[in-house]
Amino acid sequence: TVYEWRRGVEPTMVERPRAEELPEQQDEEAIDWGDLGVESAPT
């Protein structure tokens, strides 16, 4: 790791950066547009 190269000691724990996940192409029908205000929220 770069940590070991710079500090000369092996790290006790490695927390790798989370890779960006590309979503698969989804159909337009699968998009949830939510409730467009057909019913008002309760008071």
PDB file of all heavy atoms in Angstrom:
ATOM      1  N   THR A   1       0.835  -1.192   0.000  1.00  0.00           N
ATOM      2  CA  THR A   1       0.000   0.000   0.000  1.00  0.00           C
ATOM      3  C   THR A   1       0.873   1.246   0.000  1.00  0.00           C
ATOM      4  O   THR A   1       2.067   1.202   0.355  1.00  0.00           O
ATOM      5  CB  THR A   1      -0.910   0.017   1.234  1.00  0.00           C
ATOM      6  OG1 THR A   1      -0.087   0.007   2.426  1.00  0.00           O
ATOM      7  CG2 THR A   1      -1.828  -1.190   1.242  1.00  0.00           C
ATOM      8  N   VAL A   2       0.266   2.360  -0.388  1.00  0.00           N
ATOM      9  CA  VAL A   2       0.979   3.643  -0.354  1.00  0.00           C
ATOM     10  C   VAL A   2       1.332   4.005   1.089  1.00  0.00           C
ATOM     11  O   VAL A   2       2.384   4.612   1.356  1.00  0.00           O
ATOM     12  CB  VAL A   2       0.111   4.728  -1.022  1.00  0.00           C
ATOM     13  CG1 VAL A   2       0.797   6.092  -0.940  1.00  0.00           C
ATOM     14  CG2 VAL A   2      -0.196   4.364  -2.459  1.00  0.00           C
ATOM     15  N   TYR A   3       0.466   3.612   2.021  1.00  0.00           N
ATOM     16  CA  TYR A   3       0.710   3.879   3.450  1.00  0.00           C
ATOM     17  C   TYR A   3       2.034   3.239   3.884  1.00  0.00           C
ATOM     18  O   TYR A   3       2.870   3.876   4.544  1.00  0.00           O
ATOM     19  CB  TYR A   3      -0.460   3.327   4.258  1.00  0.00           C
ATOM     20  CG  TYR A   3      -0.340   3.510   5.748  1.00  0.00           C
ATOM     21  CD1 TYR A   3      -0.911   4.601   6.381  1.00  0.00           C
ATOM     22  CD2 TYR A   3       0.319   2.560   6.543  1.00  0.00           C
ATOM     23  CE1 TYR A   3      -0.809   4.767   7.759  1.00  0.00           C
ATOM     24  CE2 TYR A   3       0.433   2.716   7.910  1.00  0.00           C
ATOM     25  CZ  TYR A   3      -0.132   3.827   8.519  1.00  0.00           C
ATOM     26  OH  TYR A   3      -0.019   3.984   9.878  1.00  0.00           O
ATOM     27  N   GLU A   4       2.237   1.983   3.526  1.00  0.00           N
ATOM     28  CA  GLU A   4       3.465   1.281   3.914  1.00  0.00           C
ATOM     29  C   GLU A   4       4.674   1.877   3.232  1.00  0.00           C
ATOM     30  O   GLU A   4       5.772   1.951   3.819  1.00  0.00           O
ATOM     31  CB  GLU A   4       3.331  -0.201   3.562  1.00  0.00           C
ATOM     32  CG  GLU A   4       4.517  -1.051   4.016  1.00  0.00           C
ATOM     33  CD  GLU A   4       4.301  -2.521   3.766  1.00  0.00           C
ATOM     34  OE1 GLU A   4       3.161  -2.891   3.392  1.00  0.00           O
ATOM     35  OE2 GLU A   4       5.259  -3.300   3.932  1.00  0.00           O
ATOM     36  N   TRP A   5       4.533   2.348   1.999  1.00  0.00           N
ATOM     37  CA  TRP A   5       5.664   2.956   1.285  1.00  0.00           C
ATOM     38  C   TRP A   5       6.074   4.272   1.929  1.00  0.00           C
ATOM     39  O   TRP A   5       7.255   4.564   2.080  1.00  0.00           O
ATOM     40  CB  TRP A   5       5.273   3.150  -0.175  1.00  0.00           C
ATOM     41  CG  TRP A   5       5.977   4.278  -0.876  1.00  0.00           C
ATOM     42  CD1 TRP A   5       5.452   5.455  -1.293  1.00  0.00           C
ATOM     43  CD2 TRP A   5       7.351   4.321  -1.275  1.00  0.00           C
ATOM     44  NE1 TRP A   5       6.370   6.229  -1.905  1.00  0.00           N
ATOM     45  CE2 TRP A   5       7.579   5.557  -1.902  1.00  0.00           C
ATOM     46  CE3 TRP A   5       8.419   3.445  -1.130  1.00  0.00           C
ATOM     47  CZ2 TRP A   5       8.807   5.934  -2.415  1.00  0.00           C
ATOM     48  CZ3 TRP A   5       9.659   3.808  -1.641  1.00  0.00           C
ATOM     49  CH2 TRP A   5       9.847   5.042  -2.280  1.00  0.00           C
ATOM     50  N   ARG A   6       5.090   5.055   2.371  1.00  0.00           N
ATOM     51  CA  ARG A   6       5.410   6.367   2.923  1.00  0.00           C
ATOM     52  C   ARG A   6       5.878   6.287   4.373  1.00  0.00           C
ATOM     53  O   ARG A   6       6.765   7.037   4.779  1.00  0.00           O
ATOM     54  CB  ARG A   6       4.177   7.274   2.824  1.00  0.00           C
ATOM     55  CG  ARG A   6       3.853   7.673   1.388  1.00  0.00           C
ATOM     56  CD  ARG A   6       2.603   8.519   1.308  1.00  0.00           C
ATOM     57  NE  ARG A   6       2.336   8.964  -0.068  1.00  0.00           N
ATOM     58  CZ  ARG A   6       1.264   9.625  -0.454  1.00  0.00           C
ATOM     59  NH1 ARG A   6       0.323   9.927   0.461  1.00  0.00           N
ATOM     60  NH2 ARG A   6       1.102   9.988  -1.706  1.00  0.00           N
ATOM     61  N   ARG A   7       5.292   5.363   5.165  1.00  0.00           N
ATOM     62  CA  ARG A   7       5.623   5.314   6.592  1.00  0.00           C
ATOM     63  C   ARG A   7       6.572   4.200   6.956  1.00  0.00           C
ATOM     64  O   ARG A   7       7.094   4.165   8.073  1.00  0.00           O
ATOM     65  CB  ARG A   7       4.331   5.179   7.405  1.00  0.00           C
ATOM     66  CG  ARG A   7       3.331   6.302   7.123  1.00  0.00           C
ATOM     67  CD  ARG A   7       2.266   6.377   8.181  1.00  0.00           C
ATOM     68  NE  ARG A   7       1.302   7.435   7.896  1.00  0.00           N
ATOM     69  CZ  ARG A   7       0.379   7.837   8.751  1.00  0.00           C
ATOM     70  NH1 ARG A   7       0.280   7.240   9.945  1.00  0.00           N
ATOM     71  NH2 ARG A   7      -0.468   8.798   8.419  1.00  0.00           N
ATOM     72  N   GLY A   8       6.771   3.259   6.055  1.00  0.00           N
ATOM     73  CA  GLY A   8       7.724   2.192   6.312  1.00  0.00           C
ATOM     74  C   GLY A   8       7.190   1.068   7.169  1.00  0.00           C
ATOM     75  O   GLY A   8       7.937   0.128   7.468  1.00  0.00           O
ATOM     76  N   VAL A   9       5.931   1.136   7.587  1.00  0.00           N
ATOM     77  CA  VAL A   9       5.342   0.065   8.402  1.00  0.00           C
ATOM     78  C   VAL A   9       4.055  -0.389   7.740  1.00  0.00           C
ATOM     79  O   VAL A   9       3.366   0.379   7.057  1.00  0.00           O
ATOM     80  CB  VAL A   9       5.060   0.543   9.846  1.00  0.00           C
ATOM     81  CG1 VAL A   9       6.356   0.835  10.570  1.00  0.00           C
ATOM     82  CG2 VAL A   9       4.140   1.768   9.837  1.00  0.00           C
ATOM     83  N   GLU A  10       3.696  -1.621   7.952  1.00  0.00           N
ATOM     84  CA  GLU A  10       2.490  -2.181   7.373  1.00  0.00           C
ATOM     85  C   GLU A  10       1.281  -1.734   8.187  1.00  0.00           C
ATOM     86  O   GLU A  10       1.317  -1.767   9.416  1.00  0.00           O
ATOM     87  CB  GLU A  10       2.585  -3.699   7.355  1.00  0.00           C
ATOM     88  CG  GLU A  10       1.433  -4.377   6.642  1.00  0.00           C
ATOM     89  CD  GLU A  10       1.629  -5.874   6.567  1.00  0.00           C
ATOM     90  OE1 GLU A  10       2.697  -6.349   7.005  1.00  0.00           O
ATOM     91  OE2 GLU A  10       0.702  -6.567   6.097  1.00  0.00           O
ATOM     92  N   PRO A  11       0.208  -1.287   7.525  1.00  0.00           N
ATOM     93  CA  PRO A  11      -0.966  -0.822   8.289  1.00  0.00           C
ATOM     94  C   PRO A  11      -1.683  -1.989   8.954  1.00  0.00           C
ATOM     95  O   PRO A  11      -1.677  -3.120   8.471  1.00  0.00           O
ATOM     96  CB  PRO A  11      -1.838  -0.171   7.209  1.00  0.00           C
ATOM     97  CG  PRO A  11      -1.461  -0.873   5.952  1.00  0.00           C
ATOM     98  CD  PRO A  11       0.013  -1.193   6.073  1.00  0.00           C
ATOM     99  N   THR A  12      -2.295  -1.666  10.103  1.00  0.00           N
ATOM    100  CA  THR A  12      -3.077  -2.695  10.804  1.00  0.00           C
ATOM    101  C   THR A  12      -4.464  -2.867  10.193  1.00  0.00           C
ATOM    102  O   THR A  12      -5.080  -3.927  10.329  1.00  0.00           O
ATOM    103  CB  THR A  12      -3.225  -2.298  12.276  1.00  0.00           C
ATOM    104  OG1 THR A  12      -3.849  -1.006  12.352  1.00  0.00           O
ATOM    105  CG2 THR A  12      -1.858  -2.248  12.953  1.00  0.00           C
ATOM    106  N   MET A  13      -4.955  -1.829   9.506  1.00  0.00           N
ATOM    107  CA  MET A  13      -6.267  -1.900   8.878  1.00  0.00           C
ATOM    108  C   MET A  13      -6.231  -1.082   7.582  1.00  0.00           C
ATOM    109  O   MET A  13      -5.622  -0.017   7.532  1.00  0.00           O
ATOM    110  CB  MET A  13      -7.345  -1.337   9.820  1.00  0.00           C
ATOM    111  CG  MET A  13      -8.770  -1.391   9.242  1.00  0.00           C
ATOM    112  SD  MET A  13      -9.974  -0.651  10.356  1.00  0.00           S
ATOM    113  CE  MET A  13      -9.788  -1.719  11.786  1.00  0.00           C
ATOM    114  N   VAL A  14      -6.859  -1.616   6.554  1.00  0.00           N
ATOM    115  CA  VAL A  14      -6.902  -0.944   5.251  1.00  0.00           C
ATOM    116  C   VAL A  14      -8.362  -0.658   4.914  1.00  0.00           C
ATOM    117  O   VAL A  14      -9.168  -1.586   4.824  1.00  0.00           O
ATOM    118  CB  VAL A  14      -6.259  -1.798   4.142  1.00  0.00           C
ATOM    119  CG1 VAL A  14      -6.389  -1.101   2.793  1.00  0.00           C
ATOM    120  CG2 VAL A  14      -4.799  -2.084   4.478  1.00  0.00           C
ATOM    121  N   GLU A  15      -8.700   0.620   4.758  1.00  0.00           N
ATOM    122  CA  GLU A  15     -10.039   1.035   4.371  1.00  0.00           C
ATOM    123  C   GLU A  15      -9.955   1.625   2.963  1.00  0.00           C
ATOM    124  O   GLU A  15      -9.686   2.812   2.781  1.00  0.00           O
ATOM    125  CB  GLU A  15     -10.597   2.069   5.354  1.00  0.00           C
ATOM    126  CG  GLU A  15     -10.789   1.515   6.756  1.00  0.00           C
ATOM    127  CD  GLU A  15     -11.365   2.560   7.705  1.00  0.00           C
ATOM    128  OE1 GLU A  15     -11.647   3.689   7.223  1.00  0.00           O
ATOM    129  OE2 GLU A  15     -11.534   2.249   8.896  1.00  0.00           O
ATOM    130  N   ARG A  16     -10.162   0.769   1.984  1.00  0.00           N
ATOM    131  CA  ARG A  16     -10.038   1.189   0.588  1.00  0.00           C
ATOM    132  C   ARG A  16     -11.178   2.129   0.213  1.00  0.00           C
ATOM    133  O   ARG A  16     -12.309   1.983   0.696  1.00  0.00           O
ATOM    134  CB  ARG A  16     -10.045  -0.023  -0.352  1.00  0.00           C
ATOM    135  CG  ARG A  16      -8.824  -0.919  -0.187  1.00  0.00           C
ATOM    136  CD  ARG A  16      -8.911  -2.109  -1.124  1.00  0.00           C
ATOM    137  NE  ARG A  16      -9.013  -1.700  -2.511  1.00  0.00           N
ATOM    138  CZ  ARG A  16      -7.981  -1.414  -3.280  1.00  0.00           C
ATOM    139  NH1 ARG A  16      -6.735  -1.487  -2.786  1.00  0.00           N
ATOM    140  NH2 ARG A  16      -8.139  -1.051  -4.534  1.00  0.00           N
ATOM    141  N   PRO A  17     -10.899   3.096  -0.645  1.00  0.00           N
ATOM    142  CA  PRO A  17     -11.995   3.988  -1.087  1.00  0.00           C
ATOM    143  C   PRO A  17     -13.040   3.204  -1.859  1.00  0.00           C
ATOM    144  O   PRO A  17     -12.728   2.291  -2.612  1.00  0.00           O
ATOM    145  CB  PRO A  17     -11.274   5.015  -1.981  1.00  0.00           C
ATOM    146  CG  PRO A  17      -9.993   4.357  -2.386  1.00  0.00           C
ATOM    147  CD  PRO A  17      -9.614   3.451  -1.256  1.00  0.00           C
ATOM    148  N   ARG A  18     -14.275   3.579  -1.624  1.00  0.00           N
ATOM    149  CA  ARG A  18     -15.379   2.869  -2.259  1.00  0.00           C
ATOM    150  C   ARG A  18     -15.442   3.226  -3.738  1.00  0.00           C
ATOM    151  O   ARG A  18     -15.474   4.395  -4.101  1.00  0.00           O
ATOM    152  CB  ARG A  18     -16.700   3.239  -1.574  1.00  0.00           C
ATOM    153  CG  ARG A  18     -17.899   2.431  -2.072  1.00  0.00           C
ATOM    154  CD  ARG A  18     -19.141   2.794  -1.296  1.00  0.00           C
ATOM    155  NE  ARG A  18     -20.289   2.026  -1.735  1.00  0.00           N
ATOM    156  CZ  ARG A  18     -21.508   2.145  -1.228  1.00  0.00           C
ATOM    157  NH1 ARG A  18     -21.711   3.027  -0.244  1.00  0.00           N
ATOM    158  NH2 ARG A  18     -22.502   1.410  -1.691  1.00  0.00           N
ATOM    159  N   ALA A  19     -15.430   2.197  -4.570  1.00  0.00           N
ATOM    160  CA  ALA A  19     -15.470   2.425  -6.016  1.00  0.00           C
ATOM    161  C   ALA A  19     -16.857   2.878  -6.427  1.00  0.00           C
ATOM    162  O   ALA A  19     -17.866   2.469  -5.862  1.00  0.00           O
ATOM    163  CB  ALA A  19     -15.093   1.142  -6.775  1.00  0.00           C
ATOM    164  N   GLU A  20     -16.880   3.747  -7.422  1.00  0.00           N
ATOM    165  CA  GLU A  20     -18.157   4.232  -7.951  1.00  0.00           C
ATOM    166  C   GLU A  20     -18.853   3.120  -8.721  1.00  0.00           C
ATOM    167  O   GLU A  20     -18.279   2.511  -9.617  1.00  0.00           O
ATOM    168  CB  GLU A  20     -17.913   5.421  -8.890  1.00  0.00           C
ATOM    169  CG  GLU A  20     -19.183   6.002  -9.470  1.00  0.00           C
ATOM    170  CD  GLU A  20     -18.888   7.141 -10.426  1.00  0.00           C
ATOM    171  OE1 GLU A  20     -17.701   7.463 -10.589  1.00  0.00           O
ATOM    172  OE2 GLU A  20     -19.840   7.685 -11.008  1.00  0.00           O
ATOM    173  N   GLU A  21     -20.070   2.865  -8.341  1.00  0.00           N
ATOM    174  CA  GLU A  21     -20.835   1.803  -8.994  1.00  0.00           C
ATOM    175  C   GLU A  21     -21.741   2.416 -10.053  1.00  0.00           C
ATOM    176  O   GLU A  21     -22.510   3.319  -9.783  1.00  0.00           O
ATOM    177  CB  GLU A  21     -21.683   1.041  -7.961  1.00  0.00           C
ATOM    178  CG  GLU A  21     -20.840   0.300  -6.925  1.00  0.00           C
ATOM    179  CD  GLU A  21     -21.712  -0.479  -5.965  1.00  0.00           C
ATOM    180  OE1 GLU A  21     -22.950  -0.404  -6.134  1.00  0.00           O
ATOM    181  OE2 GLU A  21     -21.170  -1.144  -5.068  1.00  0.00           O
ATOM    182  N   LEU A  22     -21.582   1.898 -11.252  1.00  0.00           N
ATOM    183  CA  LEU A  22     -22.407   2.382 -12.360  1.00  0.00           C
ATOM    184  C   LEU A  22     -23.696   1.580 -12.412  1.00  0.00           C
ATOM    185  O   LEU A  22     -23.656   0.358 -12.535  1.00  0.00           O
ATOM    186  CB  LEU A  22     -21.649   2.238 -13.684  1.00  0.00           C
ATOM    187  CG  LEU A  22     -20.410   3.125 -13.811  1.00  0.00           C
ATOM    188  CD1 LEU A  22     -19.754   2.865 -15.144  1.00  0.00           C
ATOM    189  CD2 LEU A  22     -20.771   4.575 -13.676  1.00  0.00           C
ATOM    190  N   PRO A  23     -24.829   2.237 -12.312  1.00  0.00           N
ATOM    191  CA  PRO A  23     -26.089   1.482 -12.373  1.00  0.00           C
ATOM    192  C   PRO A  23     -26.325   0.934 -13.766  1.00  0.00           C
ATOM    193  O   PRO A  23     -25.926   1.530 -14.763  1.00  0.00           O
ATOM    194  CB  PRO A  23     -27.145   2.531 -12.009  1.00  0.00           C
ATOM    195  CG  PRO A  23     -26.526   3.838 -12.419  1.00  0.00           C
ATOM    196  CD  PRO A  23     -25.042   3.679 -12.195  1.00  0.00           C
ATOM    197  N   GLU A  24     -26.954  -0.212 -13.800  1.00  0.00           N
ATOM    198  CA  GLU A  24     -27.334  -0.799 -15.088  1.00  0.00           C
ATOM    199  C   GLU A  24     -28.431   0.056 -15.708  1.00  0.00           C
ATOM    200  O   GLU A  24     -29.198   0.734 -15.022  1.00  0.00           O
ATOM    201  CB  GLU A  24     -27.840  -2.232 -14.898  1.00  0.00           C
ATOM    202  CG  GLU A  24     -26.775  -3.196 -14.417  1.00  0.00           C
ATOM    203  CD  GLU A  24     -25.761  -3.509 -15.490  1.00  0.00           C
ATOM    204  OE1 GLU A  24     -26.047  -3.256 -16.664  1.00  0.00           O
ATOM    205  OE2 GLU A  24     -24.678  -4.001 -15.131  1.00  0.00           O
ATOM    206  N   GLN A  25     -28.505   0.037 -17.018  1.00  0.00           N
ATOM    207  CA  GLN A  25     -29.543   0.788 -17.700  1.00  0.00           C
ATOM    208  C   GLN A  25     -30.906   0.214 -17.336  1.00  0.00           C
ATOM    209  O   GLN A  25     -31.127  -0.990 -17.400  1.00  0.00           O
ATOM    210  CB  GLN A  25     -29.335   0.722 -19.214  1.00  0.00           C
ATOM    211  CG  GLN A  25     -28.049   1.394 -19.657  1.00  0.00           C
ATOM    212  CD  GLN A  25     -27.888   1.321 -21.163  1.00  0.00           C
ATOM    213  OE1 GLN A  25     -28.669   0.669 -21.837  1.00  0.00           O
ATOM    214  NE2 GLN A  25     -26.882   1.991 -21.675  1.00  0.00           N
ATOM    215  N   GLN A  26     -31.791   1.099 -16.931  1.00  0.00           N
ATOM    216  CA  GLN A  26     -33.114   0.662 -16.524  1.00  0.00           C
ATOM    217  C   GLN A  26     -34.160   1.269 -17.446  1.00  0.00           C
ATOM    218  O   GLN A  26     -33.947   2.311 -18.053  1.00  0.00           O
ATOM    219  CB  GLN A  26     -33.405   1.072 -15.081  1.00  0.00           C
ATOM    220  CG  GLN A  26     -33.305   2.586 -14.825  1.00  0.00           C
ATOM    221  CD  GLN A  26     -33.565   2.915 -13.388  1.00  0.00           C
ATOM    222  OE1 GLN A  26     -33.871   2.046 -12.600  1.00  0.00           O
ATOM    223  NE2 GLN A  26     -33.467   4.184 -13.044  1.00  0.00           N
ATOM    224  N   ASP A  27     -35.270   0.591 -17.525  1.00  0.00           N
ATOM    225  CA  ASP A  27     -36.340   1.053 -18.391  1.00  0.00           C
ATOM    226  C   ASP A  27     -37.014   2.273 -17.782  1.00  0.00           C
ATOM    227  O   ASP A  27     -36.986   2.506 -16.572  1.00  0.00           O
ATOM    228  CB  ASP A  27     -37.392  -0.049 -18.595  1.00  0.00           C
ATOM    229  CG  ASP A  27     -36.778  -1.246 -19.282  1.00  0.00           C
ATOM    230  OD1 ASP A  27     -35.783  -1.052 -20.003  1.00  0.00           O
ATOM    231  OD2 ASP A  27     -37.294  -2.369 -19.076  1.00  0.00           O
ATOM    232  N   GLU A  28     -37.625   3.052 -18.651  1.00  0.00           N
ATOM    233  CA  GLU A  28     -38.307   4.250 -18.182  1.00  0.00           C
ATOM    234  C   GLU A  28     -39.484   3.904 -17.289  1.00  0.00           C
ATOM    235  O   GLU A  28     -39.827   4.641 -16.378  1.00  0.00           O
ATOM    236  CB  GLU A  28     -38.791   5.057 -19.393  1.00  0.00           C
ATOM    237  CG  GLU A  28     -39.373   6.413 -19.010  1.00  0.00           C
ATOM    238  CD  GLU A  28     -39.752   7.218 -20.223  1.00  0.00           C
ATOM    239  OE1 GLU A  28     -39.484   6.749 -21.338  1.00  0.00           O
ATOM    240  OE2 GLU A  28     -40.325   8.300 -20.046  1.00  0.00           O
ATOM    241  N   GLU A  29     -40.080   2.706 -17.538  1.00  0.00           N
ATOM    242  CA  GLU A  29     -41.210   2.312 -16.715  1.00  0.00           C
ATOM    243  C   GLU A  29     -40.800   2.017 -15.281  1.00  0.00           C
ATOM    244  O   GLU A  29     -41.607   2.059 -14.373  1.00  0.00           O
ATOM    245  CB  GLU A  29     -41.882   1.079 -17.329  1.00  0.00           C
ATOM    246  CG  GLU A  29     -42.451   1.350 -18.721  1.00  0.00           C
ATOM    247  CD  GLU A  29     -43.058   0.096 -19.309  1.00  0.00           C
ATOM    248  OE1 GLU A  29     -42.934  -0.962 -18.651  1.00  0.00           O
ATOM    249  OE2 GLU A  29     -43.658   0.169 -20.387  1.00  0.00           O
ATOM    250  N   ALA A  30     -39.498   1.688 -15.093  1.00  0.00           N
ATOM    251  CA  ALA A  30     -39.043   1.330 -13.751  1.00  0.00           C
ATOM    252  C   ALA A  30     -38.762   2.547 -12.883  1.00  0.00           C
ATOM    253  O   ALA A  30     -38.468   2.418 -11.714  1.00  0.00           O
ATOM    254  CB  ALA A  30     -37.785   0.472 -13.835  1.00  0.00           C
ATOM    255  N   ILE A  31     -38.799   3.751 -13.456  1.00  0.00           N
ATOM    256  CA  ILE A  31     -38.512   4.964 -12.692  1.00  0.00           C
ATOM    257  C   ILE A  31     -39.729   5.309 -11.839  1.00  0.00           C
ATOM    258  O   ILE A  31     -40.843   5.415 -12.344  1.00  0.00           O
ATOM    259  CB  ILE A  31     -38.162   6.123 -13.630  1.00  0.00           C
ATOM    260  CG1 ILE A  31     -36.942   5.757 -14.481  1.00  0.00           C
ATOM    261  CG2 ILE A  31     -37.916   7.396 -12.859  1.00  0.00           C
ATOM    262  CD1 ILE A  31     -36.593   6.816 -15.497  1.00  0.00           C
ATOM    263  N   ASP A  32     -39.485   5.492 -10.546  1.00  0.00           N
ATOM    264  CA  ASP A  32     -40.568   5.844  -9.627  1.00  0.00           C
ATOM    265  C   ASP A  32     -40.621   7.356  -9.507  1.00  0.00           C
ATOM    266  O   ASP A  32     -39.731   7.975  -8.913  1.00  0.00           O
ATOM    267  CB  ASP A  32     -40.315   5.196  -8.259  1.00  0.00           C
ATOM    268  CG  ASP A  32     -41.470   5.479  -7.310  1.00  0.00           C
ATOM    269  OD1 ASP A  32     -42.510   5.990  -7.789  1.00  0.00           O
ATOM    270  OD2 ASP A  32     -41.329   5.195  -6.107  1.00  0.00           O
ATOM    271  N   TRP A  33     -41.622   7.948 -10.112  1.00  0.00           N
ATOM    272  CA  TRP A  33     -41.749   9.395 -10.076  1.00  0.00           C
ATOM    273  C   TRP A  33     -42.408   9.886  -8.791  1.00  0.00           C
ATOM    274  O   TRP A  33     -42.554  11.094  -8.582  1.00  0.00           O
ATOM    275  CB  TRP A  33     -42.576   9.870 -11.274  1.00  0.00           C
ATOM    276  CG  TRP A  33     -41.931   9.562 -12.589  1.00  0.00           C
ATOM    277  CD1 TRP A  33     -42.247   8.572 -13.456  1.00  0.00           C
ATOM    278  CD2 TRP A  33     -40.832  10.248 -13.182  1.00  0.00           C
ATOM    279  NE1 TRP A  33     -41.414   8.601 -14.538  1.00  0.00           N
ATOM    280  CE2 TRP A  33     -40.543   9.613 -14.404  1.00  0.00           C
ATOM    281  CE3 TRP A  33     -40.050  11.351 -12.794  1.00  0.00           C
ATOM    282  CZ2 TRP A  33     -39.525  10.031 -15.230  1.00  0.00           C
ATOM    283  CZ3 TRP A  33     -39.043  11.777 -13.620  1.00  0.00           C
ATOM    284  CH2 TRP A  33     -38.776  11.116 -14.830  1.00  0.00           C
ATOM    285  N   GLY A  34     -42.796   8.966  -7.924  1.00  0.00           N
ATOM    286  CA  GLY A  34     -43.408   9.366  -6.664  1.00  0.00           C
ATOM    287  C   GLY A  34     -44.848   9.830  -6.839  1.00  0.00           C
ATOM    288  O   GLY A  34     -45.426   9.770  -7.914  1.00  0.00           O
ATOM    289  N   ASP A  35     -45.440  10.294  -5.723  1.00  0.00           N
ATOM    290  CA  ASP A  35     -46.818  10.766  -5.753  1.00  0.00           C
ATOM    291  C   ASP A  35     -46.814  12.230  -6.171  1.00  0.00           C
ATOM    292  O   ASP A  35     -46.164  13.070  -5.555  1.00  0.00           O
ATOM    293  CB  ASP A  35     -47.437  10.627  -4.352  1.00  0.00           C
ATOM    294  CG  ASP A  35     -48.936  10.861  -4.384  1.00  0.00           C
ATOM    295  OD1 ASP A  35     -49.434  11.189  -5.487  1.00  0.00           O
ATOM    296  OD2 ASP A  35     -49.577  10.717  -3.339  1.00  0.00           O
ATOM    297  N   LEU A  36     -47.463  12.517  -7.285  1.00  0.00           N
ATOM    298  CA  LEU A  36     -47.465  13.874  -7.826  1.00  0.00           C
ATOM    299  C   LEU A  36     -48.536  14.739  -7.175  1.00  0.00           C
ATOM    300  O   LEU A  36     -49.006  15.704  -7.773  1.00  0.00           O
ATOM    301  CB  LEU A  36     -47.667  13.829  -9.346  1.00  0.00           C
ATOM    302  CG  LEU A  36     -46.549  13.124 -10.112  1.00  0.00           C
ATOM    303  CD1 LEU A  36     -46.872  13.124 -11.601  1.00  0.00           C
ATOM    304  CD2 LEU A  36     -45.217  13.799  -9.853  1.00  0.00           C
ATOM    305  N   GLY A  37     -48.979  14.401  -5.965  1.00  0.00           N
ATOM    306  CA  GLY A  37     -49.910  15.262  -5.249  1.00  0.00           C
ATOM    307  C   GLY A  37     -51.362  14.989  -5.551  1.00  0.00           C
ATOM    308  O   GLY A  37     -52.186  15.903  -5.510  1.00  0.00           O
ATOM    309  N   VAL A  38     -51.657  13.720  -5.856  1.00  0.00           N
ATOM    310  CA  VAL A  38     -53.065  13.383  -6.103  1.00  0.00           C
ATOM    311  C   VAL A  38     -53.867  13.531  -4.822  1.00  0.00           C
ATOM    312  O   VAL A  38     -54.990  14.007  -4.813  1.00  0.00           O
ATOM    313  CB  VAL A  38     -53.171  11.954  -6.662  1.00  0.00           C
ATOM    314  CG1 VAL A  38     -54.621  11.565  -6.861  1.00  0.00           C
ATOM    315  CG2 VAL A  38     -52.403  11.858  -7.965  1.00  0.00           C
ATOM    316  N   GLU A  39     -53.265  13.124  -3.699  1.00  0.00           N
ATOM    317  CA  GLU A  39     -53.928  13.258  -2.405  1.00  0.00           C
ATOM    318  C   GLU A  39     -53.043  14.111  -1.513  1.00  0.00           C
ATOM    319  O   GLU A  39     -51.827  13.941  -1.474  1.00  0.00           O
ATOM    320  CB  GLU A  39     -54.148  11.887  -1.771  1.00  0.00           C
ATOM    321  CG  GLU A  39     -55.091  10.989  -2.586  1.00  0.00           C
ATOM    322  CD  GLU A  39     -55.300   9.668  -1.899  1.00  0.00           C
ATOM    323  OE1 GLU A  39     -54.682   9.481  -0.830  1.00  0.00           O
ATOM    324  OE2 GLU A  39     -56.068   8.844  -2.404  1.00  0.00           O
ATOM    325  N   SER A  40     -53.657  15.005  -0.771  1.00  0.00           N
ATOM    326  CA  SER A  40     -52.901  15.874   0.117  1.00  0.00           C
ATOM    327  C   SER A  40     -52.494  15.112   1.357  1.00  0.00           C
ATOM    328  O   SER A  40     -53.162  14.169   1.784  1.00  0.00           O
ATOM    329  CB  SER A  40     -53.744  17.093   0.489  1.00  0.00           C
ATOM    330  OG  SER A  40     -54.936  16.672   1.112  1.00  0.00           O
ATOM    331  N   ALA A  41     -51.376  15.528   1.934  1.00  0.00           N
ATOM    332  CA  ALA A  41     -50.884  14.866   3.144  1.00  0.00           C
ATOM    333  C   ALA A  41     -51.804  15.179   4.304  1.00  0.00           C
ATOM    334  O   ALA A  41     -52.397  16.269   4.386  1.00  0.00           O
ATOM    335  CB  ALA A  41     -49.468  15.344   3.454  1.00  0.00           C
ATOM    336  N   PRO A  42     -51.975  14.241   5.251  1.00  0.00           N
ATOM    337  CA  PRO A  42     -52.854  14.506   6.411  1.00  0.00           C
ATOM    338  C   PRO A  42     -52.290  15.595   7.294  1.00  0.00           C
ATOM    339  O   PRO A  42     -51.078  15.786   7.382  1.00  0.00           O
ATOM    340  CB  PRO A  42     -52.882  13.149   7.121  1.00  0.00           C
ATOM    341  CG  PRO A  42     -51.629  12.463   6.695  1.00  0.00           C
ATOM    342  CD  PRO A  42     -51.373  12.900   5.288  1.00  0.00           C
ATOM    343  N   THR A  43     -53.177  16.265   7.953  1.00  0.00           N
ATOM    344  CA  THR A  43     -52.777  17.356   8.833  1.00  0.00           C
ATOM    345  C   THR A  43     -52.185  16.792  10.115  1.00  0.00           C
ATOM    346  O   THR A  43     -52.778  15.913  10.750  1.00  0.00           O
ATOM    347  CB  THR A  43     -53.995  18.223   9.185  1.00  0.00           C
ATOM    348  OG1 THR A  43     -54.579  18.674   7.964  1.00  0.00           O
ATOM    349  CG2 THR A  43     -53.594  19.394  10.047  1.00  0.00           C
TER     350      THR A  43
END
